[in-house]
Structure formats: C-alpha cells, structure tokens
Amino acid sequence: MIFKVLYQENANEPAIRENTQALYIEGDNIRDVRKKVSTHSDVLIENIFPLDDAHLAYEKQSEAFQLTEYDD
C-alpha cells in the first residue's frame, strides 16, 4: 500500500504549516512506514495516511509525486 507522509524537514524546530512537505512511500502499515522514515531521516512526522486507489490516482497527476524508496 502507498502512504502519504506529511513532515517538517527539521525535527528540532516547531512545526509551521507553510513548511510542511510530503513524501510517498510504500509500506505494510502506518507503523512500518513510520519506522522506515524515522530510520532513514531526521524529520518531524506530522501525519501518515494510506492512499486509496482514487486518492493515489489524483496524487500521481501532480508533478511533485515521486515514490520514495529506502534501502533496508
């Protein structure tokens, strides 16, 4: 399943909505995705949510859509 992760680049600064970024990552569940992201980067995760087929199709229309892959 593909998940959308909303995050702040610097985990040591307060979250500012205008600085929120997104990445898309494949995982088994939210816990799995949180572990992958936190293991490979030092970001402040705001929210993680699964994308159903319709939402994924919509997100893929954006030029910013890129599936992030981490080597295990």
PDB file of N, CA and C in Angstrom:
ATOM      1  N   MET A   1       0.845  -1.168   0.000  1.00  0.00           N
ATOM      2  CA  MET A   1       0.000   0.000   0.000  1.00  0.00           C
ATOM      3  C   MET A   1       0.891   1.231   0.000  1.00  0.00           C
ATOM      4  N   ILE A   2       0.437   2.282  -0.669  1.00  0.00           N
ATOM      5  CA  ILE A   2       1.164   3.545  -0.714  1.00  0.00           C
ATOM      6  C   ILE A   2       0.603   4.471   0.366  1.00  0.00           C
ATOM      7  N   PHE A   3       1.512   5.127   1.087  1.00  0.00           N
ATOM      8  CA  PHE A   3       1.141   6.063   2.140  1.00  0.00           C
ATOM      9  C   PHE A   3       1.687   7.439   1.817  1.00  0.00           C
ATOM     10  N   LYS A   4       0.978   8.466   2.248  1.00  0.00           N
ATOM     11  CA  LYS A   4       1.443   9.841   2.136  1.00  0.00           C
ATOM     12  C   LYS A   4       1.891  10.270   3.524  1.00  0.00           C
ATOM     13  N   VAL A   5       3.115  10.782   3.604  1.00  0.00           N
ATOM     14  CA  VAL A   5       3.687  11.216   4.875  1.00  0.00           C
ATOM     15  C   VAL A   5       3.856  12.729   4.818  1.00  0.00           C
ATOM     16  N   LEU A   6       3.236  13.424   5.734  1.00  0.00           N
ATOM     17  CA  LEU A   6       3.415  14.864   5.863  1.00  0.00           C
ATOM     18  C   LEU A   6       4.451  15.089   6.948  1.00  0.00           C
ATOM     19  N   TYR A   7       5.445  15.943   6.659  1.00  0.00           N
ATOM     20  CA  TYR A   7       6.535  16.107   7.608  1.00  0.00           C
ATOM     21  C   TYR A   7       7.145  17.500   7.530  1.00  0.00           C
ATOM     22  N   GLN A   8       7.915  17.824   8.561  1.00  0.00           N
ATOM     23  CA  GLN A   8       8.719  19.030   8.611  1.00  0.00           C
ATOM     24  C   GLN A   8      10.178  18.595   8.453  1.00  0.00           C
ATOM     25  N   GLU A   9      10.938  19.350   7.703  1.00  0.00           N
ATOM     26  CA  GLU A   9      12.325  18.994   7.404  1.00  0.00           C
ATOM     27  C   GLU A   9      13.196  18.915   8.656  1.00  0.00           C
ATOM     28  N   ASN A  10      12.994  19.799   9.612  1.00  0.00           N
ATOM     29  CA  ASN A  10      13.839  19.833  10.809  1.00  0.00           C
ATOM     30  C   ASN A  10      13.017  19.448  12.035  1.00  0.00           C
ATOM     31  N   ALA A  11      13.364  18.336  12.650  1.00  0.00           N
ATOM     32  CA  ALA A  11      12.615  17.837  13.806  1.00  0.00           C
ATOM     33  C   ALA A  11      12.843  18.673  15.058  1.00  0.00           C
ATOM     34  N   ASN A  12      13.854  19.526  15.054  1.00  0.00           N
ATOM     35  CA  ASN A  12      14.179  20.322  16.240  1.00  0.00           C
ATOM     36  C   ASN A  12      13.518  21.690  16.252  1.00  0.00           C
ATOM     37  N   GLU A  13      12.774  22.018  15.225  1.00  0.00           N
ATOM     38  CA  GLU A  13      12.078  23.302  15.155  1.00  0.00           C
ATOM     39  C   GLU A  13      10.583  23.072  15.245  1.00  0.00           C
ATOM     40  N   PRO A  14       9.849  24.074  15.715  1.00  0.00           N
ATOM     41  CA  PRO A  14       8.389  23.913  15.779  1.00  0.00           C
ATOM     42  C   PRO A  14       7.791  23.773  14.380  1.00  0.00           C
ATOM     43  N   ALA A  15       6.721  23.020  14.290  1.00  0.00           N
ATOM     44  CA  ALA A  15       6.056  22.802  13.005  1.00  0.00           C
ATOM     45  C   ALA A  15       5.356  24.076  12.542  1.00  0.00           C
ATOM     46  N   ILE A  16       5.569  24.412  11.279  1.00  0.00           N
ATOM     47  CA  ILE A  16       4.912  25.553  10.645  1.00  0.00           C
ATOM     48  C   ILE A  16       4.222  25.017   9.403  1.00  0.00           C
ATOM     49  N   ARG A  17       2.921  25.227   9.326  1.00  0.00           N
ATOM     50  CA  ARG A  17       2.127  24.641   8.248  1.00  0.00           C
ATOM     51  C   ARG A  17       2.686  24.937   6.865  1.00  0.00           C
ATOM     52  N   GLU A  18       3.171  26.135   6.649  1.00  0.00           N
ATOM     53  CA  GLU A  18       3.693  26.510   5.339  1.00  0.00           C
ATOM     54  C   GLU A  18       4.958  25.734   4.962  1.00  0.00           C
ATOM     55  N   ASN A  19       5.626  25.146   5.942  1.00  0.00           N
ATOM     56  CA  ASN A  19       6.848  24.383   5.685  1.00  0.00           C
ATOM     57  C   ASN A  19       6.601  22.886   5.577  1.00  0.00           C
ATOM     58  N   THR A  20       5.349  22.480   5.659  1.00  0.00           N
ATOM     59  CA  THR A  20       5.022  21.066   5.579  1.00  0.00           C
ATOM     60  C   THR A  20       5.326  20.529   4.186  1.00  0.00           C
ATOM     61  N   GLN A  21       6.001  19.388   4.161  1.00  0.00           N
ATOM     62  CA  GLN A  21       6.329  18.723   2.908  1.00  0.00           C
ATOM     63  C   GLN A  21       5.695  17.343   2.907  1.00  0.00           C
ATOM     64  N   ALA A  22       5.659  16.725   1.746  1.00  0.00           N
ATOM     65  CA  ALA A  22       5.044  15.406   1.636  1.00  0.00           C
ATOM     66  C   ALA A  22       5.981  14.456   0.912  1.00  0.00           C
ATOM     67  N   LEU A  23       5.911  13.205   1.314  1.00  0.00           N
ATOM     68  CA  LEU A  23       6.570  12.148   0.561  1.00  0.00           C
ATOM     69  C   LEU A  23       5.622  10.970   0.490  1.00  0.00           C
ATOM     70  N   TYR A  24       5.853  10.141  -0.487  1.00  0.00           N
ATOM     71  CA  TYR A  24       5.004   8.977  -0.726  1.00  0.00           C
ATOM     72  C   TYR A  24       5.887   7.751  -0.599  1.00  0.00           C
ATOM     73  N   ILE A  25       5.418   6.777   0.159  1.00  0.00           N
ATOM     74  CA  ILE A  25       6.228   5.613   0.437  1.00  0.00           C
ATOM     75  C   ILE A  25       5.350   4.372   0.520  1.00  0.00           C
ATOM     76  N   GLU A  26       5.895   3.264   0.089  1.00  0.00           N
ATOM     77  CA  GLU A  26       5.154   2.003   0.150  1.00  0.00           C
ATOM     78  C   GLU A  26       5.480   1.309   1.464  1.00  0.00           C
ATOM     79  N   GLY A  27       4.456   0.735   2.076  1.00  0.00           N
ATOM     80  CA  GLY A  27       4.649   0.014   3.327  1.00  0.00           C
ATOM     81  C   GLY A  27       3.476  -0.889   3.622  1.00  0.00           C
ATOM     82  N   ASP A  28       3.649  -1.730   4.632  1.00  0.00           N
ATOM     83  CA  ASP A  28       2.590  -2.661   5.026  1.00  0.00           C
ATOM     84  C   ASP A  28       1.515  -1.987   5.866  1.00  0.00           C
ATOM     85  N   ASN A  29       1.945  -1.034   6.721  1.00  0.00           N
ATOM     86  CA  ASN A  29       1.014  -0.325   7.598  1.00  0.00           C
ATOM     87  C   ASN A  29       1.682   0.967   8.073  1.00  0.00           C
ATOM     88  N   ILE A  30       0.952   1.750   8.842  1.00  0.00           N
ATOM     89  CA  ILE A  30       1.470   3.044   9.298  1.00  0.00           C
ATOM     90  C   ILE A  30       2.714   2.864  10.160  1.00  0.00           C
ATOM     91  N   ARG A  31       2.720   1.864  11.021  1.00  0.00           N
ATOM     92  CA  ARG A  31       3.878   1.615  11.886  1.00  0.00           C
ATOM     93  C   ARG A  31       5.128   1.311  11.049  1.00  0.00           C
ATOM     94  N   ASP A  32       4.965   0.512  10.012  1.00  0.00           N
ATOM     95  CA  ASP A  32       6.066   0.165   9.124  1.00  0.00           C
ATOM     96  C   ASP A  32       6.615   1.413   8.427  1.00  0.00           C
ATOM     97  N   VAL A  33       5.722   2.268   7.940  1.00  0.00           N
ATOM     98  CA  VAL A  33       6.125   3.496   7.249  1.00  0.00           C
ATOM     99  C   VAL A  33       6.840   4.438   8.216  1.00  0.00           C
ATOM    100  N   ARG A  34       6.304   4.612   9.417  1.00  0.00           N
ATOM    101  CA  ARG A  34       6.935   5.485  10.416  1.00  0.00           C
ATOM    102  C   ARG A  34       8.360   5.000  10.722  1.00  0.00           C
ATOM    103  N   LYS A  35       8.532   3.698  10.845  1.00  0.00           N
ATOM    104  CA  LYS A  35       9.850   3.136  11.136  1.00  0.00           C
ATOM    105  C   LYS A  35      10.822   3.401   9.990  1.00  0.00           C
ATOM    106  N   LYS A  36      10.366   3.193   8.746  1.00  0.00           N
ATOM    107  CA  LYS A  36      11.226   3.438   7.581  1.00  0.00           C
ATOM    108  C   LYS A  36      11.673   4.887   7.521  1.00  0.00           C
ATOM    109  N   VAL A  37      10.735   5.810   7.687  1.00  0.00           N
ATOM    110  CA  VAL A  37      11.056   7.236   7.563  1.00  0.00           C
ATOM    111  C   VAL A  37      11.969   7.671   8.702  1.00  0.00           C
ATOM    112  N   SER A  38      11.636   7.305   9.924  1.00  0.00           N
ATOM    113  CA  SER A  38      12.438   7.761  11.062  1.00  0.00           C
ATOM    114  C   SER A  38      13.817   7.123  11.105  1.00  0.00           C
ATOM    115  N   THR A  39      13.970   5.937  10.537  1.00  0.00           N
ATOM    116  CA  THR A  39      15.271   5.277  10.494  1.00  0.00           C
ATOM    117  C   THR A  39      16.211   5.953   9.504  1.00  0.00           C
ATOM    118  N   HIS A  40      15.666   6.456   8.404  1.00  0.00           N
ATOM    119  CA  HIS A  40      16.495   6.990   7.322  1.00  0.00           C
ATOM    120  C   HIS A  40      16.577   8.512   7.274  1.00  0.00           C
ATOM    121  N   SER A  41      15.864   9.201   8.133  1.00  0.00           N
ATOM    122  CA  SER A  41      15.929  10.665   8.104  1.00  0.00           C
ATOM    123  C   SER A  41      15.533  11.235   9.461  1.00  0.00           C
ATOM    124  N   ASP A  42      15.976  12.459   9.704  1.00  0.00           N
ATOM    125  CA  ASP A  42      15.666  13.138  10.957  1.00  0.00           C
ATOM    126  C   ASP A  42      14.635  14.236  10.674  1.00  0.00           C
ATOM    127  N   VAL A  43      13.387  13.822  10.495  1.00  0.00           N
ATOM    128  CA  VAL A  43      12.318  14.759  10.197  1.00  0.00           C
ATOM    129  C   VAL A  43      11.237  14.644  11.266  1.00  0.00           C
ATOM    130  N   LEU A  44      10.410  15.649  11.356  1.00  0.00           N
ATOM    131  CA  LEU A  44       9.268  15.638  12.260  1.00  0.00           C
ATOM    132  C   LEU A  44       8.052  15.169  11.468  1.00  0.00           C
ATOM    133  N   ILE A  45       7.606  13.961  11.731  1.00  0.00           N
ATOM    134  CA  ILE A  45       6.452  13.412  11.024  1.00  0.00           C
ATOM    135  C   ILE A  45       5.191  14.001  11.625  1.00  0.00           C
ATOM    136  N   GLU A  46       4.390  14.636  10.796  1.00  0.00           N
ATOM    137  CA  GLU A  46       3.138  15.229  11.244  1.00  0.00           C
ATOM    138  C   GLU A  46       1.976  14.249  11.122  1.00  0.00           C
ATOM    139  N   ASN A  47       1.918  13.551   9.980  1.00  0.00           N
ATOM    140  CA  ASN A  47       0.783  12.670   9.729  1.00  0.00           C
ATOM    141  C   ASN A  47       1.165  11.644   8.669  1.00  0.00           C
ATOM    142  N   ILE A  48       0.592  10.470   8.801  1.00  0.00           N
ATOM    143  CA  ILE A  48       0.773   9.416   7.810  1.00  0.00           C
ATOM    144  C   ILE A  48      -0.605   8.859   7.511  1.00  0.00           C
ATOM    145  N   PHE A  49      -0.958   8.794   6.230  1.00  0.00           N
ATOM    146  CA  PHE A  49      -2.245   8.194   5.914  1.00  0.00           C
ATOM    147  C   PHE A  49      -2.177   7.398   4.623  1.00  0.00           C
ATOM    148  N   PRO A  50      -2.932   6.298   4.591  1.00  0.00           N
ATOM    149  CA  PRO A  50      -2.929   5.445   3.398  1.00  0.00           C
ATOM    150  C   PRO A  50      -3.697   6.111   2.259  1.00  0.00           C
ATOM    151  N   LEU A  51      -3.266   5.832   1.038  1.00  0.00           N
ATOM    152  CA  LEU A  51      -3.951   6.376  -0.138  1.00  0.00           C
ATOM    153  C   LEU A  51      -4.760   5.265  -0.799  1.00  0.00           C
ATOM    154  N   ASP A  52      -6.058   5.479  -0.904  1.00  0.00           N
ATOM    155  CA  ASP A  52      -6.871   4.522  -1.657  1.00  0.00           C
ATOM    156  C   ASP A  52      -6.621   4.756  -3.147  1.00  0.00           C
ATOM    157  N   ASP A  53      -7.193   3.930  -3.982  1.00  0.00           N
ATOM    158  CA  ASP A  53      -6.912   3.994  -5.418  1.00  0.00           C
ATOM    159  C   ASP A  53      -7.236   5.355  -6.030  1.00  0.00           C
ATOM    160  N   ALA A  54      -8.368   5.927  -5.656  1.00  0.00           N
ATOM    161  CA  ALA A  54      -8.774   7.216  -6.221  1.00  0.00           C
ATOM    162  C   ALA A  54      -7.836   8.331  -5.773  1.00  0.00           C
ATOM    163  N   HIS A  55      -7.477   8.342  -4.506  1.00  0.00           N
ATOM    164  CA  HIS A  55      -6.588   9.379  -3.989  1.00  0.00           C
ATOM    165  C   HIS A  55      -5.187   9.229  -4.597  1.00  0.00           C
ATOM    166  N   LEU A  56      -4.722   8.000  -4.745  1.00  0.00           N
ATOM    167  CA  LEU A  56      -3.418   7.759  -5.356  1.00  0.00           C
ATOM    168  C   LEU A  56      -3.405   8.234  -6.810  1.00  0.00           C
ATOM    169  N   ALA A  57      -4.466   7.963  -7.551  1.00  0.00           N
ATOM    170  CA  ALA A  57      -4.561   8.424  -8.941  1.00  0.00           C
ATOM    171  C   ALA A  57      -4.505   9.951  -9.002  1.00  0.00           C
ATOM    172  N   TYR A  58      -5.166  10.616  -8.062  1.00  0.00           N
ATOM    173  CA  TYR A  58      -5.144  12.074  -8.006  1.00  0.00           C
ATOM    174  C   TYR A  58      -3.732  12.587  -7.697  1.00  0.00           C
ATOM    175  N   GLU A  59      -3.081  11.991  -6.712  1.00  0.00           N
ATOM    176  CA  GLU A  59      -1.732  12.417  -6.322  1.00  0.00           C
ATOM    177  C   GLU A  59      -0.740  12.210  -7.470  1.00  0.00           C
ATOM    178  N   LYS A  60      -0.900  11.146  -8.243  1.00  0.00           N
ATOM    179  CA  LYS A  60       0.006  10.863  -9.357  1.00  0.00           C
ATOM    180  C   LYS A  60      -0.072  11.914 -10.458  1.00  0.00           C
ATOM    181  N   GLN A  61      -1.140  12.684 -10.505  1.00  0.00           N
ATOM    182  CA  GLN A  61      -1.281  13.747 -11.504  1.00  0.00           C
ATOM    183  C   GLN A  61      -0.350  14.921 -11.212  1.00  0.00           C
ATOM    184  N   SER A  62       0.106  15.035  -9.978  1.00  0.00           N
ATOM    185  CA  SER A  62       0.984  16.127  -9.582  1.00  0.00           C
ATOM    186  C   SER A  62       2.405  15.876 -10.062  1.00  0.00           C
ATOM    187  N   GLU A  63       3.071  16.926 -10.489  1.00  0.00           N
ATOM    188  CA  GLU A  63       4.473  16.806 -10.889  1.00  0.00           C
ATOM    189  C   GLU A  63       5.359  16.486  -9.691  1.00  0.00           C
ATOM    190  N   ALA A  64       4.897  16.802  -8.500  1.00  0.00           N
ATOM    191  CA  ALA A  64       5.678  16.569  -7.283  1.00  0.00           C
ATOM    192  C   ALA A  64       5.618  15.123  -6.815  1.00  0.00           C
ATOM    193  N   PHE A  65       4.750  14.312  -7.411  1.00  0.00           N
ATOM    194  CA  PHE A  65       4.610  12.925  -6.963  1.00  0.00           C
ATOM    195  C   PHE A  65       5.855  12.130  -7.337  1.00  0.00           C
ATOM    196  N   GLN A  66       6.460  11.537  -6.311  1.00  0.00           N
ATOM    197  CA  GLN A  66       7.599  10.655  -6.516  1.00  0.00           C
ATOM    198  C   GLN A  66       7.607   9.666  -5.366  1.00  0.00           C
ATOM    199  N   LEU A  67       7.630   8.396  -5.688  1.00  0.00           N
ATOM    200  CA  LEU A  67       7.631   7.359  -4.671  1.00  0.00           C
ATOM    201  C   LEU A  67       9.026   7.272  -4.066  1.00  0.00           C
ATOM    202  N   THR A  68       9.114   7.446  -2.755  1.00  0.00           N
ATOM    203  CA  THR A  68      10.384   7.381  -2.040  1.00  0.00           C
ATOM    204  C   THR A  68      10.679   5.943  -1.680  1.00  0.00           C
ATOM    205  N   GLU A  69      11.897   5.523  -1.947  1.00  0.00           N
ATOM    206  CA  GLU A  69      12.294   4.159  -1.613  1.00  0.00           C
ATOM    207  C   GLU A  69      13.536   4.212  -0.745  1.00  0.00           C
ATOM    208  N   TYR A  70      13.500   3.475   0.346  1.00  0.00           N
ATOM    209  CA  TYR A  70      14.647   3.368   1.244  1.00  0.00           C
ATOM    210  C   TYR A  70      15.211   1.972   1.141  1.00  0.00           C
ATOM    211  N   ASP A  71      16.526   1.866   1.081  1.00  0.00           N
ATOM    212  CA  ASP A  71      17.174   0.563   1.094  1.00  0.00           C
ATOM    213  C   ASP A  71      17.152   0.045   2.521  1.00  0.00           C
ATOM    214  N   ASP A  72      16.716  -1.167   2.686  1.00  0.00           N
ATOM    215  CA  ASP A  72      16.652  -1.752   4.040  1.00  0.00           C
ATOM    216  C   ASP A  72      17.978  -2.276   4.489  1.00  0.00           C
TER     217      ASP A  72
END
